[in-house]
């Protein structure tokens, strides 16, 4: 009777793939969980943005998901020093935007304003670094099959376009009754999730069966 042995490198790679897929699932699921969960648990109107769900009964879901994403990104090991720095910056951005909530709609204090500025700063850093991963790191690291580079670039462009449209809609106060920031943020997070899910299925080192 032959006993199967587990190659430590195989186990490590499979764990790494699982983490990539897990972060992708978080990205895809988070908008659905926040929007639908709040309607089921609390009811009422939609929040103005994903960040505004901090002030609903889904606060712990938002904070927990972003902290989980941040920890993964801090632990992510890229292909060179710049990639490692980018993933660390993205991880700090994710944790920072979770720990410093956006400015509430009413009863605003001086600390609320400070926290809101920090939240926007961390959010911008987080999403810009995610766009960097999609546009620079993933398409050029040599791991993915032919064709997936297009997926990464589309996701990266989608993130950048959403950031620009969020800034414009906020500055010009366009269609506030349609909650543009909420839907644009959701699209950006979905793009992030898709990129990481695809990446989670492409790492196939030759040394690993």
N, C-alpha and C. Protein backbone atom coordinates (compact mmCIF):
# COMPACT_ATOMS: atom_id res chain seq x y z
N UNK A 1 0.85 -1.20 0.00
CA UNK A 1 0.00 0.00 0.00
C UNK A 1 0.88 1.24 0.00
N UNK A 2 0.61 2.16 -0.93
CA UNK A 2 1.44 3.36 -1.07
C UNK A 2 0.79 4.54 -0.39
N UNK A 3 1.56 5.22 0.42
CA UNK A 3 1.06 6.40 1.13
C UNK A 3 1.43 7.65 0.36
N UNK A 4 0.43 8.43 -0.01
CA UNK A 4 0.69 9.66 -0.77
C UNK A 4 1.34 10.70 0.12
N UNK A 5 2.35 11.34 -0.39
CA UNK A 5 3.01 12.40 0.35
C UNK A 5 2.67 13.74 -0.27
N UNK A 6 2.60 14.72 0.56
CA UNK A 6 2.26 16.06 0.11
C UNK A 6 3.51 16.89 -0.07
N UNK A 7 3.71 17.39 -1.25
CA UNK A 7 4.83 18.27 -1.53
C UNK A 7 4.60 19.59 -0.82
N UNK A 8 5.51 20.02 0.08
CA UNK A 8 5.31 21.29 0.79
C UNK A 8 5.12 22.46 -0.14
N UNK A 9 5.83 22.44 -1.29
CA UNK A 9 5.68 23.55 -2.24
C UNK A 9 4.29 23.56 -2.84
N UNK A 10 3.76 22.35 -3.11
CA UNK A 10 2.41 22.25 -3.65
C UNK A 10 1.40 22.81 -2.67
N UNK A 11 1.56 22.45 -1.40
CA UNK A 11 0.66 22.95 -0.37
C UNK A 11 0.72 24.46 -0.26
N UNK A 12 1.93 25.01 -0.34
CA UNK A 12 2.10 26.46 -0.24
C UNK A 12 1.42 27.17 -1.40
N UNK A 13 1.62 26.64 -2.61
CA UNK A 13 1.03 27.26 -3.79
C UNK A 13 -0.49 27.18 -3.74
N UNK A 14 -1.01 26.02 -3.34
CA UNK A 14 -2.47 25.87 -3.25
C UNK A 14 -3.05 26.85 -2.22
N UNK A 15 -2.34 27.05 -1.10
CA UNK A 15 -2.80 28.01 -0.10
C UNK A 15 -2.78 29.42 -0.65
N UNK A 16 -1.75 29.72 -1.45
CA UNK A 16 -1.63 31.04 -2.05
C UNK A 16 -2.76 31.29 -3.03
N UNK A 17 -3.08 30.26 -3.83
CA UNK A 17 -4.19 30.37 -4.76
C UNK A 17 -5.50 30.57 -4.01
N UNK A 18 -5.67 29.85 -2.92
CA UNK A 18 -6.89 29.98 -2.13
C UNK A 18 -7.04 31.41 -1.61
N UNK A 19 -5.96 32.01 -1.14
CA UNK A 19 -6.03 33.38 -0.64
C UNK A 19 -6.40 34.35 -1.76
N UNK A 20 -5.82 34.15 -2.94
CA UNK A 20 -6.17 35.01 -4.07
C UNK A 20 -7.65 34.90 -4.40
N UNK A 21 -8.16 33.67 -4.43
CA UNK A 21 -9.57 33.48 -4.73
C UNK A 21 -10.45 34.04 -3.62
N UNK A 22 -10.00 33.89 -2.38
CA UNK A 22 -10.79 34.40 -1.26
C UNK A 22 -10.94 35.91 -1.34
N UNK A 23 -9.84 36.60 -1.69
CA UNK A 23 -9.92 38.06 -1.79
C UNK A 23 -10.80 38.46 -2.96
N UNK A 24 -10.80 37.65 -4.03
CA UNK A 24 -11.70 37.92 -5.15
C UNK A 24 -13.15 37.75 -4.76
N UNK A 25 -13.44 36.70 -3.98
CA UNK A 25 -14.81 36.48 -3.51
C UNK A 25 -15.28 37.63 -2.63
N UNK A 26 -14.38 38.12 -1.77
CA UNK A 26 -14.74 39.27 -0.92
C UNK A 26 -15.12 40.46 -1.79
N UNK A 27 -14.33 40.72 -2.83
CA UNK A 27 -14.61 41.85 -3.71
C UNK A 27 -15.93 41.71 -4.43
N UNK A 28 -16.24 40.51 -4.92
CA UNK A 28 -17.50 40.31 -5.63
C UNK A 28 -18.70 40.32 -4.69
N UNK A 29 -18.52 39.77 -3.51
CA UNK A 29 -19.66 39.61 -2.60
C UNK A 29 -19.99 40.86 -1.80
N UNK A 30 -18.98 41.67 -1.49
CA UNK A 30 -19.19 42.78 -0.56
C UNK A 30 -20.33 43.72 -0.94
N UNK A 31 -20.39 44.24 -2.18
CA UNK A 31 -21.51 45.13 -2.51
C UNK A 31 -22.88 44.46 -2.35
N UNK A 32 -22.98 43.20 -2.79
CA UNK A 32 -24.25 42.48 -2.65
C UNK A 32 -24.63 42.33 -1.18
N UNK A 33 -23.66 41.92 -0.36
CA UNK A 33 -23.94 41.69 1.06
C UNK A 33 -24.35 42.98 1.75
N UNK A 34 -23.65 44.07 1.47
CA UNK A 34 -23.96 45.34 2.12
C UNK A 34 -25.33 45.87 1.68
N UNK A 35 -25.56 45.90 0.37
CA UNK A 35 -26.79 46.50 -0.14
C UNK A 35 -28.01 45.65 0.19
N UNK A 36 -27.94 44.37 -0.15
CA UNK A 36 -29.09 43.49 0.11
C UNK A 36 -29.23 43.19 1.60
N UNK A 37 -28.11 43.02 2.28
CA UNK A 37 -28.16 42.73 3.71
C UNK A 37 -28.81 43.85 4.50
N UNK A 38 -28.46 45.06 4.16
CA UNK A 38 -29.05 46.20 4.88
C UNK A 38 -30.55 46.29 4.63
N UNK A 39 -30.97 46.02 3.40
CA UNK A 39 -32.40 46.07 3.10
C UNK A 39 -33.16 44.98 3.85
N UNK A 40 -32.55 43.81 4.01
CA UNK A 40 -33.20 42.72 4.71
C UNK A 40 -33.20 42.91 6.22
N UNK A 41 -32.08 43.40 6.75
CA UNK A 41 -31.92 43.51 8.20
C UNK A 41 -32.52 44.79 8.75
N UNK A 42 -32.32 45.88 8.03
CA UNK A 42 -32.66 47.20 8.56
C UNK A 42 -33.74 47.91 7.76
N UNK A 43 -33.80 47.65 6.46
CA UNK A 43 -34.76 48.34 5.61
C UNK A 43 -34.34 49.77 5.36
N UNK A 44 -35.27 50.56 4.86
CA UNK A 44 -34.98 51.96 4.60
C UNK A 44 -34.35 52.19 3.24
N UNK A 45 -33.86 53.41 3.03
CA UNK A 45 -33.27 53.79 1.75
C UNK A 45 -31.87 53.21 1.57
N UNK A 46 -31.42 53.21 0.33
CA UNK A 46 -30.05 52.83 0.05
C UNK A 46 -29.09 53.87 0.64
N UNK A 47 -27.91 53.42 1.03
CA UNK A 47 -26.89 54.35 1.48
C UNK A 47 -26.30 55.07 0.27
N UNK A 48 -25.68 56.22 0.51
CA UNK A 48 -25.14 56.99 -0.60
C UNK A 48 -23.90 56.39 -1.22
N UNK A 49 -23.20 55.54 -0.48
CA UNK A 49 -21.98 54.90 -0.97
C UNK A 49 -21.75 53.64 -0.15
N UNK A 50 -20.84 52.81 -0.61
CA UNK A 50 -20.50 51.63 0.18
C UNK A 50 -19.95 52.03 1.55
N UNK A 51 -19.17 53.11 1.57
CA UNK A 51 -18.59 53.57 2.84
C UNK A 51 -19.67 53.99 3.83
N UNK A 52 -20.80 54.49 3.34
CA UNK A 52 -21.87 54.93 4.23
C UNK A 52 -22.54 53.76 4.96
N UNK A 53 -22.29 52.55 4.52
CA UNK A 53 -22.86 51.39 5.23
C UNK A 53 -22.18 51.18 6.58
N UNK A 54 -21.13 51.94 6.84
CA UNK A 54 -20.53 51.94 8.18
C UNK A 54 -21.55 52.40 9.22
N UNK A 55 -22.45 53.25 8.82
CA UNK A 55 -23.45 53.80 9.75
C UNK A 55 -24.76 53.02 9.73
N UNK A 56 -24.69 51.76 9.29
CA UNK A 56 -25.87 50.89 9.30
C UNK A 56 -25.55 49.66 10.15
N UNK A 57 -26.49 48.74 10.18
CA UNK A 57 -26.28 47.51 10.94
C UNK A 57 -25.24 46.60 10.30
N UNK A 58 -24.80 46.93 9.08
CA UNK A 58 -23.80 46.13 8.37
C UNK A 58 -22.39 46.66 8.60
N UNK A 59 -22.19 47.49 9.60
CA UNK A 59 -20.88 48.09 9.86
C UNK A 59 -19.79 47.03 10.01
N UNK A 60 -20.05 46.01 10.83
CA UNK A 60 -19.02 45.01 11.09
C UNK A 60 -18.64 44.24 9.83
N UNK A 61 -19.60 44.05 8.92
CA UNK A 61 -19.31 43.36 7.66
C UNK A 61 -18.35 44.19 6.83
N UNK A 62 -18.61 45.48 6.72
CA UNK A 62 -17.76 46.37 5.94
C UNK A 62 -16.35 46.42 6.52
N UNK A 63 -16.25 46.66 7.81
CA UNK A 63 -14.94 46.77 8.45
C UNK A 63 -14.19 45.45 8.38
N UNK A 64 -14.87 44.35 8.66
CA UNK A 64 -14.22 43.05 8.63
C UNK A 64 -13.71 42.68 7.25
N UNK A 65 -14.52 42.94 6.22
CA UNK A 65 -14.13 42.60 4.85
C UNK A 65 -12.91 43.41 4.42
N UNK A 66 -12.91 44.71 4.72
CA UNK A 66 -11.79 45.54 4.29
C UNK A 66 -10.51 45.23 5.07
N UNK A 67 -10.66 44.90 6.35
CA UNK A 67 -9.48 44.52 7.13
C UNK A 67 -8.91 43.19 6.62
N UNK A 68 -9.80 42.26 6.26
CA UNK A 68 -9.34 40.99 5.70
C UNK A 68 -8.59 41.21 4.40
N UNK A 69 -9.14 42.06 3.53
CA UNK A 69 -8.46 42.39 2.28
C UNK A 69 -7.11 43.05 2.54
N UNK A 70 -7.08 43.93 3.53
CA UNK A 70 -5.85 44.63 3.86
C UNK A 70 -4.76 43.69 4.36
N UNK A 71 -5.14 42.76 5.23
CA UNK A 71 -4.16 41.80 5.76
C UNK A 71 -3.60 40.94 4.63
N UNK A 72 -4.46 40.49 3.73
CA UNK A 72 -3.99 39.69 2.60
C UNK A 72 -3.01 40.48 1.74
N UNK A 73 -3.33 41.71 1.45
CA UNK A 73 -2.46 42.52 0.60
C UNK A 73 -1.12 42.80 1.29
N UNK A 74 -1.14 42.99 2.60
CA UNK A 74 0.11 43.19 3.33
C UNK A 74 0.98 41.94 3.27
N UNK A 75 0.34 40.77 3.22
CA UNK A 75 1.09 39.52 3.18
C UNK A 75 1.46 39.09 1.77
N UNK A 76 0.92 39.77 0.77
CA UNK A 76 1.14 39.38 -0.62
C UNK A 76 2.60 39.58 -1.00
N UNK A 77 3.16 38.58 -1.68
CA UNK A 77 4.55 38.66 -2.12
C UNK A 77 4.58 38.78 -3.64
N UNK A 78 5.03 39.94 -4.13
CA UNK A 78 5.05 40.20 -5.55
C UNK A 78 6.33 39.72 -6.21
N UNK A 79 6.55 40.18 -7.43
CA UNK A 79 7.70 39.72 -8.22
C UNK A 79 8.93 40.60 -8.04
N UNK A 80 8.77 41.77 -7.49
CA UNK A 80 9.93 42.62 -7.22
C UNK A 80 9.59 43.57 -6.09
N UNK A 81 10.56 44.40 -5.75
CA UNK A 81 10.41 45.30 -4.60
C UNK A 81 9.26 46.28 -4.80
N UNK A 82 9.12 46.80 -6.02
CA UNK A 82 8.04 47.77 -6.28
C UNK A 82 6.67 47.14 -6.09
N UNK A 83 6.52 45.91 -6.57
CA UNK A 83 5.24 45.22 -6.40
C UNK A 83 4.94 44.96 -4.93
N UNK A 84 5.96 44.62 -4.16
CA UNK A 84 5.76 44.39 -2.74
C UNK A 84 5.36 45.68 -2.02
N UNK A 85 5.99 46.78 -2.42
CA UNK A 85 5.62 48.07 -1.83
C UNK A 85 4.18 48.43 -2.19
N UNK A 86 3.80 48.21 -3.46
CA UNK A 86 2.44 48.53 -3.90
C UNK A 86 1.40 47.72 -3.14
N UNK A 87 1.67 46.43 -2.93
CA UNK A 87 0.70 45.61 -2.21
C UNK A 87 0.61 46.03 -0.75
N UNK A 88 1.73 46.42 -0.16
CA UNK A 88 1.70 46.90 1.24
C UNK A 88 0.93 48.21 1.35
N UNK A 89 1.15 49.11 0.39
CA UNK A 89 0.42 50.38 0.40
C UNK A 89 -1.08 50.13 0.23
N UNK A 90 -1.44 49.21 -0.68
CA UNK A 90 -2.85 48.88 -0.87
C UNK A 90 -3.45 48.29 0.39
N UNK A 91 -2.69 47.42 1.06
CA UNK A 91 -3.19 46.83 2.30
C UNK A 91 -3.42 47.87 3.38
N UNK A 92 -2.49 48.80 3.52
CA UNK A 92 -2.67 49.87 4.50
C UNK A 92 -3.86 50.74 4.13
N UNK A 93 -4.07 50.96 2.81
CA UNK A 93 -5.22 51.74 2.37
C UNK A 93 -6.52 51.07 2.75
N UNK A 94 -6.59 49.74 2.55
CA UNK A 94 -7.81 49.00 2.88
C UNK A 94 -8.11 49.07 4.37
N UNK A 95 -7.09 48.84 5.19
CA UNK A 95 -7.28 48.88 6.64
C UNK A 95 -7.60 50.30 7.11
N UNK A 96 -6.93 51.28 6.51
CA UNK A 96 -7.18 52.67 6.90
C UNK A 96 -8.59 53.13 6.60
N UNK A 97 -9.11 52.78 5.42
CA UNK A 97 -10.47 53.22 5.10
C UNK A 97 -11.50 52.50 5.95
N UNK A 98 -11.14 51.31 6.48
CA UNK A 98 -12.05 50.61 7.38
C UNK A 98 -12.05 51.22 8.78
N UNK A 99 -10.87 51.63 9.24
CA UNK A 99 -10.75 52.15 10.60
C UNK A 99 -11.16 53.61 10.72
N UNK A 100 -11.08 54.37 9.62
CA UNK A 100 -11.48 55.77 9.64
C UNK A 100 -12.74 55.92 8.78
N UNK A 101 -13.91 55.95 9.39
CA UNK A 101 -15.16 56.00 8.61
C UNK A 101 -15.34 57.30 7.87
N UNK A 102 -16.16 57.23 6.83
CA UNK A 102 -16.49 58.42 6.06
C UNK A 102 -17.30 59.39 6.91
N UNK A 103 -17.36 60.64 6.51
CA UNK A 103 -18.10 61.65 7.26
C UNK A 103 -19.59 61.33 7.26
N UNK A 104 -20.24 61.32 8.42
CA UNK A 104 -21.68 61.03 8.47
C UNK A 104 -22.50 62.16 7.86
N UNK A 105 -23.77 61.89 7.62
CA UNK A 105 -24.65 62.87 6.99
C UNK A 105 -25.11 63.96 7.94
N UNK A 106 -25.08 63.69 9.23
CA UNK A 106 -25.59 64.68 10.19
C UNK A 106 -24.81 64.58 11.49
N UNK A 107 -25.02 65.58 12.35
CA UNK A 107 -24.32 65.66 13.64
C UNK A 107 -22.81 65.50 13.46
N UNK A 108 -22.27 66.28 12.53
CA UNK A 108 -20.85 66.16 12.19
C UNK A 108 -19.99 66.93 13.18
N UNK A 109 -18.97 66.26 13.71
CA UNK A 109 -18.02 66.88 14.61
C UNK A 109 -16.71 67.14 13.87
N UNK A 110 -15.79 67.83 14.55
CA UNK A 110 -14.48 68.08 13.96
C UNK A 110 -13.75 66.77 13.68
N UNK A 111 -13.88 65.79 14.58
CA UNK A 111 -13.24 64.50 14.36
C UNK A 111 -13.87 63.78 13.16
N UNK A 112 -15.19 63.91 13.01
CA UNK A 112 -15.85 63.29 11.86
C UNK A 112 -15.27 63.81 10.55
N UNK A 113 -15.02 65.11 10.49
CA UNK A 113 -14.46 65.70 9.27
C UNK A 113 -13.04 65.19 9.04
N UNK A 114 -12.24 65.13 10.11
CA UNK A 114 -10.88 64.61 9.98
C UNK A 114 -10.89 63.16 9.53
N UNK A 115 -11.76 62.37 10.16
CA UNK A 115 -11.88 60.96 9.79
C UNK A 115 -12.32 60.82 8.33
N UNK A 116 -13.23 61.69 7.90
CA UNK A 116 -13.70 61.65 6.53
C UNK A 116 -12.60 61.92 5.52
N UNK A 117 -11.74 62.88 5.83
CA UNK A 117 -10.62 63.20 4.94
C UNK A 117 -9.66 62.02 4.87
N UNK A 118 -9.36 61.43 6.04
CA UNK A 118 -8.48 60.27 6.07
C UNK A 118 -9.09 59.10 5.31
N UNK A 119 -10.40 58.92 5.45
CA UNK A 119 -11.09 57.84 4.76
C UNK A 119 -10.96 57.99 3.24
N UNK A 120 -11.20 59.20 2.75
CA UNK A 120 -11.09 59.44 1.31
C UNK A 120 -9.67 59.22 0.82
N UNK A 121 -8.69 59.64 1.63
CA UNK A 121 -7.29 59.46 1.25
C UNK A 121 -6.93 57.99 1.16
N UNK A 122 -7.30 57.22 2.20
CA UNK A 122 -7.00 55.79 2.20
C UNK A 122 -7.75 55.08 1.07
N UNK A 123 -9.00 55.48 0.82
CA UNK A 123 -9.78 54.85 -0.25
C UNK A 123 -9.14 55.10 -1.61
N UNK A 124 -8.69 56.34 -1.85
CA UNK A 124 -8.05 56.66 -3.12
C UNK A 124 -6.77 55.85 -3.30
N UNK A 125 -5.98 55.76 -2.24
CA UNK A 125 -4.74 54.96 -2.30
C UNK A 125 -5.06 53.50 -2.59
N UNK A 126 -6.06 52.97 -1.91
CA UNK A 126 -6.44 51.57 -2.08
C UNK A 126 -6.84 51.27 -3.52
N UNK A 127 -7.74 52.06 -4.07
CA UNK A 127 -8.23 51.80 -5.42
C UNK A 127 -7.16 52.06 -6.49
N UNK A 128 -6.33 53.08 -6.28
CA UNK A 128 -5.26 53.34 -7.25
C UNK A 128 -4.26 52.19 -7.28
N UNK A 129 -3.95 51.63 -6.13
CA UNK A 129 -3.04 50.50 -6.08
C UNK A 129 -3.67 49.26 -6.71
N UNK A 130 -4.98 49.09 -6.54
CA UNK A 130 -5.66 47.97 -7.19
C UNK A 130 -5.60 48.13 -8.70
N UNK A 131 -5.77 49.35 -9.18
CA UNK A 131 -5.66 49.60 -10.62
C UNK A 131 -4.24 49.29 -11.10
N UNK A 132 -3.25 49.62 -10.29
CA UNK A 132 -1.86 49.30 -10.64
C UNK A 132 -1.67 47.80 -10.78
N UNK A 133 -2.23 47.03 -9.85
CA UNK A 133 -2.12 45.58 -9.93
C UNK A 133 -2.72 45.08 -11.25
N UNK A 134 -3.89 45.59 -11.59
CA UNK A 134 -4.60 45.12 -12.78
C UNK A 134 -3.90 45.55 -14.07
N UNK A 135 -3.36 46.76 -14.10
CA UNK A 135 -2.79 47.29 -15.34
C UNK A 135 -1.31 46.97 -15.52
N UNK A 136 -0.61 46.77 -14.42
CA UNK A 136 0.84 46.57 -14.53
C UNK A 136 1.30 45.20 -14.04
N UNK A 137 0.95 44.84 -12.81
CA UNK A 137 1.50 43.61 -12.24
C UNK A 137 0.94 42.35 -12.88
N UNK A 138 -0.38 42.19 -12.85
CA UNK A 138 -0.97 40.95 -13.31
C UNK A 138 -0.70 40.64 -14.79
N UNK A 139 -0.84 41.61 -15.70
CA UNK A 139 -0.63 41.28 -17.12
C UNK A 139 0.82 40.96 -17.49
N UNK A 140 1.79 41.34 -16.63
CA UNK A 140 3.19 41.24 -17.03
C UNK A 140 4.01 40.30 -16.15
N UNK A 141 3.36 39.53 -15.28
CA UNK A 141 4.15 38.69 -14.38
C UNK A 141 4.44 37.31 -14.95
N UNK A 142 3.92 37.02 -16.15
CA UNK A 142 4.25 35.77 -16.81
C UNK A 142 3.53 34.55 -16.31
N UNK A 143 2.54 34.72 -15.41
CA UNK A 143 1.85 33.57 -14.83
C UNK A 143 0.59 33.18 -15.58
N UNK A 144 -0.08 34.15 -16.20
CA UNK A 144 -1.41 33.90 -16.73
C UNK A 144 -1.38 33.32 -18.14
N UNK A 145 -2.39 32.52 -18.49
CA UNK A 145 -2.52 32.04 -19.87
C UNK A 145 -2.80 33.21 -20.81
N UNK A 146 -2.59 32.98 -22.09
CA UNK A 146 -2.85 34.02 -23.09
C UNK A 146 -4.31 34.44 -23.04
N UNK A 147 -4.53 35.74 -23.10
CA UNK A 147 -5.90 36.25 -23.13
C UNK A 147 -6.36 36.86 -21.84
N UNK A 148 -5.82 36.38 -20.71
CA UNK A 148 -6.29 36.92 -19.43
C UNK A 148 -5.77 38.33 -19.17
N UNK A 149 -4.70 38.70 -19.88
CA UNK A 149 -4.20 40.06 -19.72
C UNK A 149 -5.24 41.10 -20.09
N UNK A 150 -6.08 40.79 -21.06
CA UNK A 150 -7.16 41.70 -21.44
C UNK A 150 -8.15 41.88 -20.29
N UNK A 151 -8.44 40.79 -19.60
CA UNK A 151 -9.37 40.86 -18.46
C UNK A 151 -8.82 41.80 -17.39
N UNK A 152 -7.54 41.63 -17.07
CA UNK A 152 -6.92 42.48 -16.05
C UNK A 152 -6.95 43.95 -16.44
N UNK A 153 -6.64 44.22 -17.72
CA UNK A 153 -6.61 45.62 -18.16
C UNK A 153 -8.00 46.24 -18.16
N UNK A 154 -9.00 45.48 -18.55
CA UNK A 154 -10.38 45.98 -18.50
C UNK A 154 -10.76 46.29 -17.06
N UNK A 155 -10.39 45.42 -16.13
CA UNK A 155 -10.70 45.66 -14.71
C UNK A 155 -9.98 46.90 -14.20
N UNK A 156 -8.72 47.06 -14.59
CA UNK A 156 -7.97 48.23 -14.15
C UNK A 156 -8.55 49.52 -14.69
N UNK A 157 -8.90 49.53 -15.97
CA UNK A 157 -9.51 50.73 -16.57
C UNK A 157 -10.86 51.01 -15.91
N UNK A 158 -11.63 49.97 -15.62
CA UNK A 158 -12.93 50.16 -14.97
C UNK A 158 -12.77 50.83 -13.61
N UNK A 159 -11.76 50.40 -12.87
CA UNK A 159 -11.52 51.01 -11.55
C UNK A 159 -11.19 52.49 -11.69
N UNK A 160 -10.30 52.83 -12.63
CA UNK A 160 -9.91 54.23 -12.81
C UNK A 160 -11.08 55.08 -13.30
N UNK A 161 -11.86 54.56 -14.24
CA UNK A 161 -13.02 55.30 -14.75
C UNK A 161 -14.02 55.55 -13.63
N UNK A 162 -14.25 54.54 -12.81
CA UNK A 162 -15.19 54.70 -11.69
C UNK A 162 -14.71 55.76 -10.71
N UNK A 163 -13.41 55.80 -10.43
CA UNK A 163 -12.88 56.82 -9.53
C UNK A 163 -13.11 58.22 -10.08
N UNK A 164 -12.85 58.39 -11.37
CA UNK A 164 -13.06 59.70 -12.00
C UNK A 164 -14.54 60.10 -11.94
N UNK A 165 -15.43 59.17 -12.27
CA UNK A 165 -16.86 59.47 -12.27
C UNK A 165 -17.38 59.74 -10.86
N UNK A 166 -16.83 59.05 -9.87
CA UNK A 166 -17.22 59.31 -8.48
C UNK A 166 -16.85 60.74 -8.10
N UNK A 167 -15.63 61.14 -8.45
CA UNK A 167 -15.18 62.49 -8.13
C UNK A 167 -16.04 63.53 -8.83
N UNK A 168 -16.37 63.30 -10.11
CA UNK A 168 -17.20 64.25 -10.85
C UNK A 168 -18.61 64.32 -10.29
N UNK A 169 -19.20 63.17 -10.03
CA UNK A 169 -20.58 63.17 -9.52
C UNK A 169 -20.66 63.83 -8.16
N UNK A 170 -19.61 63.66 -7.35
CA UNK A 170 -19.61 64.29 -6.03
C UNK A 170 -19.41 65.80 -6.14
N UNK A 171 -18.47 66.21 -6.99
CA UNK A 171 -18.19 67.64 -7.12
C UNK A 171 -19.35 68.39 -7.75
N UNK A 172 -20.00 67.79 -8.74
CA UNK A 172 -21.09 68.45 -9.45
C UNK A 172 -22.47 68.11 -8.89
N UNK A 173 -22.49 67.21 -7.90
CA UNK A 173 -23.74 66.78 -7.27
C UNK A 173 -24.73 66.27 -8.33
N UNK A 174 -24.24 65.36 -9.16
CA UNK A 174 -25.06 64.83 -10.24
C UNK A 174 -25.96 63.70 -9.76
N UNK A 175 -27.24 63.81 -10.04
CA UNK A 175 -28.23 62.75 -9.80
C UNK A 175 -28.07 62.10 -8.43
N UNK A 176 -28.08 62.86 -7.36
CA UNK A 176 -27.88 62.26 -6.03
C UNK A 176 -28.94 61.24 -5.67
N UNK A 177 -30.15 61.40 -6.23
CA UNK A 177 -31.22 60.44 -5.91
C UNK A 177 -30.95 59.06 -6.50
N UNK A 178 -30.03 58.95 -7.44
CA UNK A 178 -29.67 57.66 -8.04
C UNK A 178 -28.48 57.00 -7.33
N UNK A 179 -27.92 57.68 -6.33
CA UNK A 179 -26.79 57.15 -5.56
C UNK A 179 -25.62 56.74 -6.47
N UNK A 180 -25.12 57.66 -7.30
CA UNK A 180 -24.06 57.28 -8.25
C UNK A 180 -22.80 56.74 -7.59
N UNK A 181 -22.41 57.31 -6.45
CA UNK A 181 -21.19 56.83 -5.78
C UNK A 181 -21.34 55.37 -5.36
N UNK A 182 -22.51 55.00 -4.89
CA UNK A 182 -22.75 53.62 -4.46
C UNK A 182 -22.52 52.63 -5.60
N UNK A 183 -23.13 52.93 -6.75
CA UNK A 183 -23.03 51.99 -7.87
C UNK A 183 -21.65 52.01 -8.51
N UNK A 184 -21.04 53.18 -8.59
CA UNK A 184 -19.70 53.26 -9.16
C UNK A 184 -18.67 52.56 -8.26
N UNK A 185 -18.79 52.76 -6.96
CA UNK A 185 -17.92 52.04 -6.03
C UNK A 185 -18.12 50.54 -6.15
N UNK A 186 -19.36 50.12 -6.30
CA UNK A 186 -19.66 48.70 -6.43
C UNK A 186 -18.99 48.12 -7.67
N UNK A 187 -19.07 48.85 -8.79
CA UNK A 187 -18.43 48.38 -10.03
C UNK A 187 -16.92 48.27 -9.84
N UNK A 188 -16.32 49.26 -9.17
CA UNK A 188 -14.87 49.23 -8.94
C UNK A 188 -14.49 48.04 -8.07
N UNK A 189 -15.26 47.76 -7.04
CA UNK A 189 -14.97 46.63 -6.16
C UNK A 189 -15.19 45.31 -6.91
N UNK A 190 -16.23 45.25 -7.74
CA UNK A 190 -16.45 44.04 -8.55
C UNK A 190 -15.28 43.81 -9.51
N UNK A 191 -14.79 44.87 -10.14
CA UNK A 191 -13.65 44.74 -11.05
C UNK A 191 -12.43 44.20 -10.30
N UNK A 192 -12.21 44.72 -9.11
CA UNK A 192 -11.13 44.23 -8.26
C UNK A 192 -11.31 42.75 -7.95
N UNK A 193 -12.55 42.36 -7.62
CA UNK A 193 -12.83 40.96 -7.30
C UNK A 193 -12.62 40.04 -8.48
N UNK A 194 -13.07 40.46 -9.66
CA UNK A 194 -12.90 39.64 -10.86
C UNK A 194 -11.42 39.42 -11.16
N UNK A 195 -10.63 40.48 -11.07
CA UNK A 195 -9.19 40.37 -11.37
C UNK A 195 -8.52 39.37 -10.43
N UNK A 196 -8.84 39.42 -9.15
CA UNK A 196 -8.20 38.52 -8.20
C UNK A 196 -8.72 37.10 -8.32
N UNK A 197 -9.98 36.92 -8.69
CA UNK A 197 -10.49 35.58 -8.93
C UNK A 197 -9.80 34.94 -10.14
N UNK A 198 -9.66 35.71 -11.21
CA UNK A 198 -8.97 35.20 -12.38
C UNK A 198 -7.52 34.88 -12.03
N UNK A 199 -6.88 35.76 -11.28
CA UNK A 199 -5.49 35.54 -10.88
C UNK A 199 -5.36 34.30 -10.02
N UNK A 200 -6.35 34.01 -9.23
CA UNK A 200 -6.31 32.85 -8.36
C UNK A 200 -6.31 31.52 -9.09
N UNK A 201 -6.62 31.54 -10.39
CA UNK A 201 -6.63 30.31 -11.15
C UNK A 201 -5.52 30.21 -12.17
N UNK A 202 -4.54 31.14 -12.11
CA UNK A 202 -3.54 31.18 -13.17
C UNK A 202 -2.14 30.82 -12.71
N UNK A 203 -1.91 30.71 -11.42
CA UNK A 203 -0.56 30.40 -10.94
C UNK A 203 -0.28 28.92 -11.08
N UNK A 204 0.56 28.54 -12.01
CA UNK A 204 0.88 27.14 -12.26
C UNK A 204 2.39 26.96 -12.45
N UNK A 205 3.16 27.09 -11.38
CA UNK A 205 4.60 26.91 -11.55
C UNK A 205 4.93 25.53 -12.12
N UNK A 206 5.97 25.45 -12.95
CA UNK A 206 6.33 24.20 -13.59
C UNK A 206 6.72 23.14 -12.58
N UNK A 207 7.20 23.57 -11.42
CA UNK A 207 7.67 22.61 -10.42
C UNK A 207 6.53 22.01 -9.62
N UNK A 208 5.32 22.53 -9.83
CA UNK A 208 4.20 22.04 -9.05
C UNK A 208 3.29 21.23 -9.95
N UNK A 209 2.95 19.98 -9.58
CA UNK A 209 2.09 19.18 -10.43
C UNK A 209 0.67 19.69 -10.45
